[in-house]
C-alpha atoms as a PDB file:
ATOM      1  CA  UNK A   1    -100.865  15.713   5.997  1.00  0.00           C
ATOM      2  CA  UNK A   2    -100.290  16.823   9.621  1.00  0.00           C
ATOM      3  CA  UNK A   3    -104.045  17.108  10.299  1.00  0.00           C
ATOM      4  CA  UNK A   4    -104.612  13.652   8.832  1.00  0.00           C
ATOM      5  CA  UNK A   5    -101.913  12.194  11.070  1.00  0.00           C
ATOM      6  CA  UNK A   6    -103.422  13.847  14.158  1.00  0.00           C
ATOM      7  CA  UNK A   7    -106.875  12.511  13.201  1.00  0.00           C
ATOM      8  CA  UNK A   8    -105.538   8.970  12.848  1.00  0.00           C
ATOM      9  CA  UNK A   9    -103.709   9.142  16.190  1.00  0.00           C
ATOM     10  CA  UNK A  10    -106.256  10.856  18.427  1.00  0.00           C
ATOM     11  CA  UNK A  11    -109.552   9.770  16.802  1.00  0.00           C
ATOM     12  CA  UNK A  12    -108.913   6.361  15.305  1.00  0.00           C
ATOM     13  CA  UNK A  13    -106.399   5.372  17.969  1.00  0.00           C
ATOM     14  CA  UNK A  14    -103.592   4.424  15.594  1.00  0.00           C
ATOM     15  CA  UNK A  15    -100.454   3.478  17.538  1.00  0.00           C
ATOM     16  CA  UNK A  16     -97.185   5.024  16.426  1.00  0.00           C
ATOM     17  CA  UNK A  17     -94.350   2.516  16.367  1.00  0.00           C
ATOM     18  CA  UNK A  18     -90.806   2.712  15.045  1.00  0.00           C
ATOM     19  CA  UNK A  19     -91.837   0.599  12.039  1.00  0.00           C
ATOM     20  CA  UNK A  20     -94.543   3.113  11.135  1.00  0.00           C
ATOM     21  CA  UNK A  21     -92.096   6.007  11.488  1.00  0.00           C
ATOM     22  CA  UNK A  22     -89.491   4.314   9.284  1.00  0.00           C
ATOM     23  CA  UNK A  23     -92.173   3.498   6.721  1.00  0.00           C
ATOM     24  CA  UNK A  24     -93.684   6.943   6.348  1.00  0.00           C
ATOM     25  CA  UNK A  25     -90.783   9.248   7.240  1.00  0.00           C
ATOM     26  CA  UNK A  26     -89.119   9.138   3.776  1.00  0.00           C
ATOM     27  CA  UNK A  27     -92.437   9.983   2.106  1.00  0.00           C
ATOM     28  CA  UNK A  28     -93.019  12.838   4.539  1.00  0.00           C
ATOM     29  CA  UNK A  29     -89.537  14.234   3.956  1.00  0.00           C
ATOM     30  CA  UNK A  30     -90.022  14.075   0.187  1.00  0.00           C
ATOM     31  CA  UNK A  31     -93.317  15.923   0.554  1.00  0.00           C
ATOM     32  CA  UNK A  32     -91.711  18.613   2.706  1.00  0.00           C
ATOM     33  CA  UNK A  33     -88.825  19.008   0.235  1.00  0.00           C
ATOM     34  CA  UNK A  34     -91.215  19.308  -2.685  1.00  0.00           C
ATOM     35  CA  UNK A  35     -93.202  21.994  -0.881  1.00  0.00           C
ATOM     36  CA  UNK A  36     -90.018  23.882  -0.048  1.00  0.00           C
ATOM     37  CA  UNK A  37     -88.887  23.595  -3.677  1.00  0.00           C
ATOM     38  CA  UNK A  38     -92.168  24.990  -4.914  1.00  0.00           C
ATOM     39  CA  UNK A  39     -92.173  27.825  -2.391  1.00  0.00           C
ATOM     40  CA  UNK A  40     -88.529  28.869  -2.449  1.00  0.00           C
ATOM     41  CA  UNK A  41     -87.671  28.034  -6.025  1.00  0.00           C
ATOM     42  CA  UNK A  42     -84.532  26.610  -7.593  1.00  0.00           C
ATOM     43  CA  UNK A  43     -82.870  30.004  -7.842  1.00  0.00           C
ATOM     44  CA  UNK A  44     -82.979  30.490  -4.065  1.00  0.00           C
ATOM     45  CA  UNK A  45     -81.584  27.008  -3.445  1.00  0.00           C
ATOM     46  CA  UNK A  46     -78.851  27.632  -6.018  1.00  0.00           C
ATOM     47  CA  UNK A  47     -77.762  30.889  -4.365  1.00  0.00           C
ATOM     48  CA  UNK A  48     -78.177  29.946  -0.705  1.00  0.00           C
ATOM     49  CA  UNK A  49     -77.134  26.277  -0.729  1.00  0.00           C
ATOM     50  CA  UNK A  50     -75.216  25.383  -3.878  1.00  0.00           C
ATOM     51  CA  UNK A  51     -73.008  28.468  -4.147  1.00  0.00           C
ATOM     52  CA  UNK A  52     -71.499  28.199  -0.633  1.00  0.00           C
ATOM     53  CA  UNK A  53     -70.811  24.487  -1.145  1.00  0.00           C
ATOM     54  CA  UNK A  54     -69.100  25.107  -4.491  1.00  0.00           C
ATOM     55  CA  UNK A  55     -67.133  27.946  -2.890  1.00  0.00           C
ATOM     56  CA  UNK A  56     -65.885  25.551  -0.245  1.00  0.00           C
ATOM     57  CA  UNK A  57     -65.022  22.941  -2.871  1.00  0.00           C
ATOM     58  CA  UNK A  58     -62.967  25.447  -4.852  1.00  0.00           C
ATOM     59  CA  UNK A  59     -61.268  26.708  -1.691  1.00  0.00           C
ATOM     60  CA  UNK A  60     -60.283  23.154  -0.681  1.00  0.00           C
ATOM     61  CA  UNK A  61     -58.700  22.539  -4.095  1.00  0.00           C
ATOM     62  CA  UNK A  62     -56.822  25.852  -3.843  1.00  0.00           C
ATOM     63  CA  UNK A  63     -55.499  24.985  -0.368  1.00  0.00           C
ATOM     64  CA  UNK A  64     -54.432  21.546  -1.588  1.00  0.00           C
ATOM     65  CA  UNK A  65     -52.509  23.228  -4.438  1.00  0.00           C
ATOM     66  CA  UNK A  66     -50.727  25.543  -2.017  1.00  0.00           C
ATOM     67  CA  UNK A  67     -52.304  28.805  -3.173  1.00  0.00           C
ATOM     68  CA  UNK A  68     -52.343  31.912  -0.993  1.00  0.00           C
ATOM     69  CA  UNK A  69     -55.404  33.725   0.369  1.00  0.00           C
ATOM     70  CA  UNK A  70     -56.071  35.521  -2.916  1.00  0.00           C
ATOM     71  CA  UNK A  71     -55.801  32.257  -4.842  1.00  0.00           C
ATOM     72  CA  UNK A  72     -58.210  30.542  -2.467  1.00  0.00           C
ATOM     73  CA  UNK A  73     -60.725  33.358  -2.853  1.00  0.00           C
ATOM     74  CA  UNK A  74     -60.415  33.409  -6.652  1.00  0.00           C
ATOM     75  CA  UNK A  75     -60.803  29.645  -7.055  1.00  0.00           C
ATOM     76  CA  UNK A  76     -63.671  29.570  -4.584  1.00  0.00           C
ATOM     77  CA  UNK A  77     -65.583  32.287  -6.427  1.00  0.00           C
ATOM     78  CA  UNK A  78     -64.822  30.875  -9.875  1.00  0.00           C
ATOM     79  CA  UNK A  79     -66.070  27.435  -8.842  1.00  0.00           C
ATOM     80  CA  UNK A  80     -69.352  28.867  -7.583  1.00  0.00           C
ATOM     81  CA  UNK A  81     -70.195  31.342 -10.350  1.00  0.00           C
ATOM     82  CA  UNK A  82     -68.088  30.256 -13.329  1.00  0.00           C
ATOM     83  CA  UNK A  83     -70.650  27.909 -14.865  1.00  0.00           C
ATOM     84  CA  UNK A  84     -73.450  30.440 -14.539  1.00  0.00           C
ATOM     85  CA  UNK A  85     -71.333  33.170 -16.116  1.00  0.00           C
ATOM     86  CA  UNK A  86     -70.496  31.001 -19.134  1.00  0.00           C
ATOM     87  CA  UNK A  87     -74.170  30.093 -19.525  1.00  0.00           C
ATOM     88  CA  UNK A  88     -75.331  33.700 -19.352  1.00  0.00           C
ATOM     89  CA  UNK A  89     -72.794  34.818 -21.970  1.00  0.00           C
ATOM     90  CA  UNK A  90     -73.746  31.984 -24.338  1.00  0.00           C
ATOM     91  CA  UNK A  91     -77.484  32.714 -24.165  1.00  0.00           C
ATOM     92  CA  UNK A  92     -76.962  36.467 -24.397  1.00  0.00           C
ATOM     93  CA  UNK A  93     -78.059  37.198 -20.838  1.00  0.00           C
ATOM     94  CA  UNK A  94     -75.554  39.981 -20.172  1.00  0.00           C
ATOM     95  CA  UNK A  95     -74.280  41.179 -17.863  1.00  0.00           C
ATOM     96  CA  UNK A  96     -74.311  37.788 -16.101  1.00  0.00           C
ATOM     97  CA  UNK A  97     -76.673  37.405 -13.169  1.00  0.00           C
ATOM     98  CA  UNK A  98     -73.794  37.291 -10.702  1.00  0.00           C
ATOM     99  CA  UNK A  99     -73.125  40.998 -11.313  1.00  0.00           C
ATOM    100  CA  UNK A 100     -76.729  41.928 -10.583  1.00  0.00           C
ATOM    101  CA  UNK A 101     -76.692  40.116  -7.235  1.00  0.00           C
ATOM    102  CA  UNK A 102     -73.775  41.383  -5.168  1.00  0.00           C
ATOM    103  CA  UNK A 103     -74.828  39.371  -2.136  1.00  0.00           C
ATOM    104  CA  UNK A 104     -73.955  36.166  -3.985  1.00  0.00           C
ATOM    105  CA  UNK A 105     -70.451  37.431  -4.755  1.00  0.00           C
ATOM    106  CA  UNK A 106     -69.925  38.608  -1.174  1.00  0.00           C
ATOM    107  CA  UNK A 107     -71.123  35.248   0.134  1.00  0.00           C
ATOM    108  CA  UNK A 108     -68.611  33.541  -2.160  1.00  0.00           C
ATOM    109  CA  UNK A 109     -65.767  35.659  -0.795  1.00  0.00           C
ATOM    110  CA  UNK A 110     -66.859  35.116   2.808  1.00  0.00           C
ATOM    111  CA  UNK A 111     -67.096  31.338   2.414  1.00  0.00           C
ATOM    112  CA  UNK A 112     -63.684  31.076   0.758  1.00  0.00           C
ATOM    113  CA  UNK A 113     -62.073  33.261   3.427  1.00  0.00           C
ATOM    114  CA  UNK A 114     -63.689  31.210   6.196  1.00  0.00           C
ATOM    115  CA  UNK A 115     -62.324  27.940   4.792  1.00  0.00           C
ATOM    116  CA  UNK A 116     -58.850  29.475   4.442  1.00  0.00           C
ATOM    117  CA  UNK A 117     -58.858  30.918   7.972  1.00  0.00           C
ATOM    118  CA  UNK A 118     -59.978  27.630   9.530  1.00  0.00           C
ATOM    119  CA  UNK A 119     -57.254  25.757   7.669  1.00  0.00           C
ATOM    120  CA  UNK A 120     -54.638  28.411   8.495  1.00  0.00           C
ATOM    121  CA  UNK A 121     -55.362  28.564  12.229  1.00  0.00           C
ATOM    122  CA  UNK A 122     -54.998  24.827  12.820  1.00  0.00           C
ATOM    123  CA  UNK A 123     -53.350  23.240   9.784  1.00  0.00           C
ATOM    124  CA  UNK A 124     -52.661  19.875  11.428  1.00  0.00           C
ATOM    125  CA  UNK A 125     -56.231  19.419  12.620  1.00  0.00           C
ATOM    126  CA  UNK A 126     -57.525  20.523   9.226  1.00  0.00           C
ATOM    127  CA  UNK A 127     -55.380  17.890   7.520  1.00  0.00           C
ATOM    128  CA  UNK A 128     -56.623  15.193   9.897  1.00  0.00           C
ATOM    129  CA  UNK A 129     -60.248  16.137   9.269  1.00  0.00           C
ATOM    130  CA  UNK A 130     -59.812  16.618   5.534  1.00  0.00           C
ATOM    131  CA  UNK A 131     -61.050  13.127   4.623  1.00  0.00           C
ATOM    132  CA  UNK A 132     -64.194  13.599   6.711  1.00  0.00           C
ATOM    133  CA  UNK A 133     -64.654  17.085   5.258  1.00  0.00           C
ATOM    134  CA  UNK A 134     -64.410  15.680   1.735  1.00  0.00           C
ATOM    135  CA  UNK A 135     -66.982  12.993   2.558  1.00  0.00           C
ATOM    136  CA  UNK A 136     -69.451  15.576   3.839  1.00  0.00           C
ATOM    137  CA  UNK A 137     -68.657  17.926   0.983  1.00  0.00           C
ATOM    138  CA  UNK A 138     -69.286  15.111  -1.501  1.00  0.00           C
ATOM    139  CA  UNK A 139     -72.970  14.995  -0.608  1.00  0.00           C
ATOM    140  CA  UNK A 140     -73.467  18.741  -0.735  1.00  0.00           C
ATOM    141  CA  UNK A 141     -71.390  18.944  -3.896  1.00  0.00           C
ATOM    142  CA  UNK A 142     -73.851  16.532  -5.484  1.00  0.00           C
ATOM    143  CA  UNK A 143     -76.707  18.705  -4.263  1.00  0.00           C
ATOM    144  CA  UNK A 144     -75.012  21.738  -5.779  1.00  0.00           C
ATOM    145  CA  UNK A 145     -74.495  19.919  -9.072  1.00  0.00           C
ATOM    146  CA  UNK A 146     -78.181  18.996  -9.203  1.00  0.00           C
ATOM    147  CA  UNK A 147     -79.436  22.479  -8.296  1.00  0.00           C
ATOM    148  CA  UNK A 148     -77.071  24.245 -10.687  1.00  0.00           C
ATOM    149  CA  UNK A 149     -77.857  21.876 -13.569  1.00  0.00           C
ATOM    150  CA  UNK A 150     -81.617  22.160 -13.251  1.00  0.00           C
ATOM    151  CA  UNK A 151     -81.566  25.914 -12.655  1.00  0.00           C
ATOM    152  CA  UNK A 152     -79.448  26.231 -15.798  1.00  0.00           C
ATOM    153  CA  UNK A 153     -82.237  24.629 -17.812  1.00  0.00           C
ATOM    154  CA  UNK A 154     -84.824  26.925 -16.249  1.00  0.00           C
ATOM    155  CA  UNK A 155     -82.778  30.069 -16.926  1.00  0.00           C
ATOM    156  CA  UNK A 156     -82.053  29.025 -20.513  1.00  0.00           C
ATOM    157  CA  UNK A 157     -85.747  28.317 -21.080  1.00  0.00           C
ATOM    158  CA  UNK A 158     -86.802  31.663 -19.600  1.00  0.00           C
ATOM    159  CA  UNK A 159     -84.273  33.389 -21.871  1.00  0.00           C
ATOM    160  CA  UNK A 160     -86.097  32.218 -24.975  1.00  0.00           C
ATOM    161  CA  UNK A 161     -84.930  28.634 -25.564  1.00  0.00           C
ATOM    162  CA  UNK A 162     -87.778  26.509 -24.143  1.00  0.00           C
ATOM    163  CA  UNK A 163     -88.216  24.331 -27.233  1.00  0.00           C
ATOM    164  CA  UNK A 164     -84.562  23.538 -27.945  1.00  0.00           C
ATOM    165  CA  UNK A 165     -83.590  20.391 -26.086  1.00  0.00           C
ATOM    166  CA  UNK A 166     -79.944  20.674 -27.108  1.00  0.00           C
ATOM    167  CA  UNK A 167     -79.578  24.249 -25.896  1.00  0.00           C
ATOM    168  CA  UNK A 168     -81.464  23.680 -22.640  1.00  0.00           C
ATOM    169  CA  UNK A 169     -79.563  20.523 -21.694  1.00  0.00           C
ATOM    170  CA  UNK A 170     -76.213  22.004 -22.731  1.00  0.00           C
ATOM    171  CA  UNK A 171     -76.830  25.119 -20.639  1.00  0.00           C
ATOM    172  CA  UNK A 172     -77.819  22.955 -17.689  1.00  0.00           C
ATOM    173  CA  UNK A 173     -74.639  20.885 -17.946  1.00  0.00           C
ATOM    174  CA  UNK A 174     -72.449  23.966 -18.409  1.00  0.00           C
ATOM    175  CA  UNK A 175     -74.027  25.587 -15.367  1.00  0.00           C
ATOM    176  CA  UNK A 176     -73.455  22.427 -13.335  1.00  0.00           C
ATOM    177  CA  UNK A 177     -69.852  21.626 -14.267  1.00  0.00           C
ATOM    178  CA  UNK A 178     -68.454  24.822 -15.800  1.00  0.00           C
ATOM    179  CA  UNK A 179     -67.226  26.264 -12.518  1.00  0.00           C
ATOM    180  CA  UNK A 180     -65.338  23.085 -11.667  1.00  0.00           C
ATOM    181  CA  UNK A 181     -63.678  23.032 -15.086  1.00  0.00           C
ATOM    182  CA  UNK A 182     -62.484  26.630 -14.692  1.00  0.00           C
ATOM    183  CA  UNK A 183     -61.269  25.838 -11.173  1.00  0.00           C
ATOM    184  CA  UNK A 184     -59.173  22.904 -12.347  1.00  0.00           C
ATOM    185  CA  UNK A 185     -57.759  24.861 -15.292  1.00  0.00           C
ATOM    186  CA  UNK A 186     -56.664  27.700 -12.990  1.00  0.00           C
ATOM    187  CA  UNK A 187     -55.148  25.127 -10.617  1.00  0.00           C
ATOM    188  CA  UNK A 188     -53.230  23.603 -13.561  1.00  0.00           C
ATOM    189  CA  UNK A 189     -54.774  20.150 -13.234  1.00  0.00           C
ATOM    190  CA  UNK A 190     -56.773  18.037 -15.665  1.00  0.00           C
ATOM    191  CA  UNK A 191     -60.490  18.819 -15.137  1.00  0.00           C
ATOM    192  CA  UNK A 192     -61.883  16.133 -12.869  1.00  0.00           C
ATOM    193  CA  UNK A 193     -65.049  15.773 -14.967  1.00  0.00           C
ATOM    194  CA  UNK A 194     -62.864  14.234 -17.710  1.00  0.00           C
ATOM    195  CA  UNK A 195     -61.139  11.674 -15.549  1.00  0.00           C
ATOM    196  CA  UNK A 196     -63.255  10.401 -12.651  1.00  0.00           C
ATOM    197  CA  UNK A 197     -66.519  10.061 -10.705  1.00  0.00           C
ATOM    198  CA  UNK A 198     -68.815  10.398 -13.759  1.00  0.00           C
ATOM    199  CA  UNK A 199     -69.445  13.995 -12.667  1.00  0.00           C
ATOM    200  CA  UNK A 200     -70.462  15.318 -16.082  1.00  0.00           C
ATOM    201  CA  UNK A 201     -72.407  12.127 -16.842  1.00  0.00           C
ATOM    202  CA  UNK A 202     -74.569  12.721 -13.777  1.00  0.00           C
ATOM    203  CA  UNK A 203     -75.309  16.257 -14.964  1.00  0.00           C
ATOM    204  CA  UNK A 204     -76.119  15.100 -18.510  1.00  0.00           C
ATOM    205  CA  UNK A 205     -78.406  12.375 -17.174  1.00  0.00           C
ATOM    206  CA  UNK A 206     -80.182  14.676 -14.731  1.00  0.00           C
ATOM    207  CA  UNK A 207     -80.606  17.492 -17.254  1.00  0.00           C
ATOM    208  CA  UNK A 208     -81.998  15.115 -19.879  1.00  0.00           C
ATOM    209  CA  UNK A 209     -84.519  13.560 -17.493  1.00  0.00           C
ATOM    210  CA  UNK A 210     -85.535  16.943 -16.110  1.00  0.00           C
ATOM    211  CA  UNK A 211     -85.993  18.422 -19.585  1.00  0.00           C
ATOM    212  CA  UNK A 212     -88.254  15.520 -20.609  1.00  0.00           C
ATOM    213  CA  UNK A 213     -90.249  15.894 -17.380  1.00  0.00           C
ATOM    214  CA  UNK A 214     -90.503  19.636 -17.847  1.00  0.00           C
ATOM    215  CA  UNK A 215     -91.543  19.385 -21.483  1.00  0.00           C
ATOM    216  CA  UNK A 216     -94.063  16.553 -21.403  1.00  0.00           C
ATOM    217  CA  UNK A 217     -95.574  16.806 -17.917  1.00  0.00           C
ATOM    218  CA  UNK A 218     -97.039  19.680 -15.879  1.00  0.00           C
ATOM    219  CA  UNK A 219     -94.662  21.358 -13.445  1.00  0.00           C
ATOM    220  CA  UNK A 220     -94.429  19.264 -10.319  1.00  0.00           C
ATOM    221  CA  UNK A 221     -92.100  20.237  -7.486  1.00  0.00           C
ATOM    222  CA  UNK A 222     -92.053  16.646  -6.227  1.00  0.00           C
ATOM    223  CA  UNK A 223     -90.832  15.455  -9.639  1.00  0.00           C
ATOM    224  CA  UNK A 224     -88.041  18.026  -9.522  1.00  0.00           C
ATOM    225  CA  UNK A 225     -87.007  16.806  -6.080  1.00  0.00           C
ATOM    226  CA  UNK A 226     -86.948  13.194  -7.327  1.00  0.00           C
ATOM    227  CA  UNK A 227     -84.653  14.127 -10.231  1.00  0.00           C
ATOM    228  CA  UNK A 228     -82.343  16.047  -7.910  1.00  0.00           C
ATOM    229  CA  UNK A 229     -82.317  13.205  -5.379  1.00  0.00           C
ATOM    230  CA  UNK A 230     -81.391  10.722  -8.107  1.00  0.00           C
ATOM    231  CA  UNK A 231     -78.504  12.938  -9.219  1.00  0.00           C
ATOM    232  CA  UNK A 232     -77.220  13.294  -5.660  1.00  0.00           C
ATOM    233  CA  UNK A 233     -77.494   9.549  -5.041  1.00  0.00           C
ATOM    234  CA  UNK A 234     -75.606   8.642  -8.227  1.00  0.00           C
ATOM    235  CA  UNK A 235     -72.929  11.228  -7.427  1.00  0.00           C
ATOM    236  CA  UNK A 236     -72.435   9.909  -3.880  1.00  0.00           C
ATOM    237  CA  UNK A 237     -72.386   6.260  -4.981  1.00  0.00           C
ATOM    238  CA  UNK A 238     -69.958   7.038  -7.807  1.00  0.00           C
ATOM    239  CA  UNK A 239     -67.544   8.568  -5.328  1.00  0.00           C
ATOM    240  CA  UNK A 240     -68.065   5.842  -2.741  1.00  0.00           C
ATOM    241  CA  UNK A 241     -67.469   2.968  -5.152  1.00  0.00           C
ATOM    242  CA  UNK A 242     -65.092   4.802  -7.537  1.00  0.00           C
ATOM    243  CA  UNK A 243     -67.343   4.523 -10.585  1.00  0.00           C
ATOM    244  CA  UNK A 244     -65.870   5.917 -13.783  1.00  0.00           C
ATOM    245  CA  UNK A 245     -66.199   5.532 -17.519  1.00  0.00           C
ATOM    246  CA  UNK A 246     -63.861   3.101 -19.323  1.00  0.00           C
ATOM    247  CA  UNK A 247     -60.442   4.554 -20.056  1.00  0.00           C
ATOM    248  CA  UNK A 248     -57.080   3.382 -21.317  1.00  0.00           C
ATOM    249  CA  UNK A 249     -54.162   3.195 -18.909  1.00  0.00           C
ATOM    250  CA  UNK A 250     -51.280   5.032 -20.604  1.00  0.00           C
ATOM    251  CA  UNK A 251     -48.730   2.868 -18.760  1.00  0.00           C
ATOM    252  CA  UNK A 252     -50.195  -0.285 -20.303  1.00  0.00           C
ATOM    253  CA  UNK A 253     -49.983   1.287 -23.764  1.00  0.00           C
ATOM    254  CA  UNK A 254     -46.333   2.187 -23.180  1.00  0.00           C
ATOM    255  CA  UNK A 255     -45.526  -1.325 -21.964  1.00  0.00           C
ATOM    256  CA  UNK A 256     -47.113  -2.873 -25.060  1.00  0.00           C
ATOM    257  CA  UNK A 257     -45.140  -0.578 -27.353  1.00  0.00           C
ATOM    258  CA  UNK A 258     -41.833  -1.407 -25.692  1.00  0.00           C
END
């Protein structure tokens, strides 16, 4: 792609304008992402990108609930590795992968401690920046959800369940949302996937589409990137515009019964 661009510029004399850049830049970025996905693999992205983001998400919830340093570290680690641990136990992959990769666990502890220390040193500034932090975290949280969900399907398939759509999709969803459910249960709040932001729905949708792509088409890193990008986009838009599934307001029910 780079050689072709150089040929067009220096041999054919093609002029590079802002319109041309805006037209071809998204395609180029998608190509680069697909190449990185094929070279690095989902497992690397899960461990190096998704885990730290989920750690931070769990740590933020713990801080909001008033937990101490130990609580922040526990919730941060549980959020990052909880879904994968549940998946590994259910498919018989024991001990879970987290125990065979100590670097992942240490990274989880380090990320949680860093978030706590930053919030502890300057609490007022942290509170002022919390909305912006949540906005940034929302994007990366969607990326983590996508990477965890798809890697869950791949791990379940490699463990001997490649032909079972139900098992593969369920393991993908559990990997994607399981850590958040455990986090909310430990924090004594209703799991957010049951109340708002169609979090689990995004995982179910992405896992279903990815399983169909994986089953009926040859492996294509670009296709994987497209599925992940769609999941991230839906997640971000759902948070931005407060999308949620229909639900009944308990106050309205009480008023009607009075």
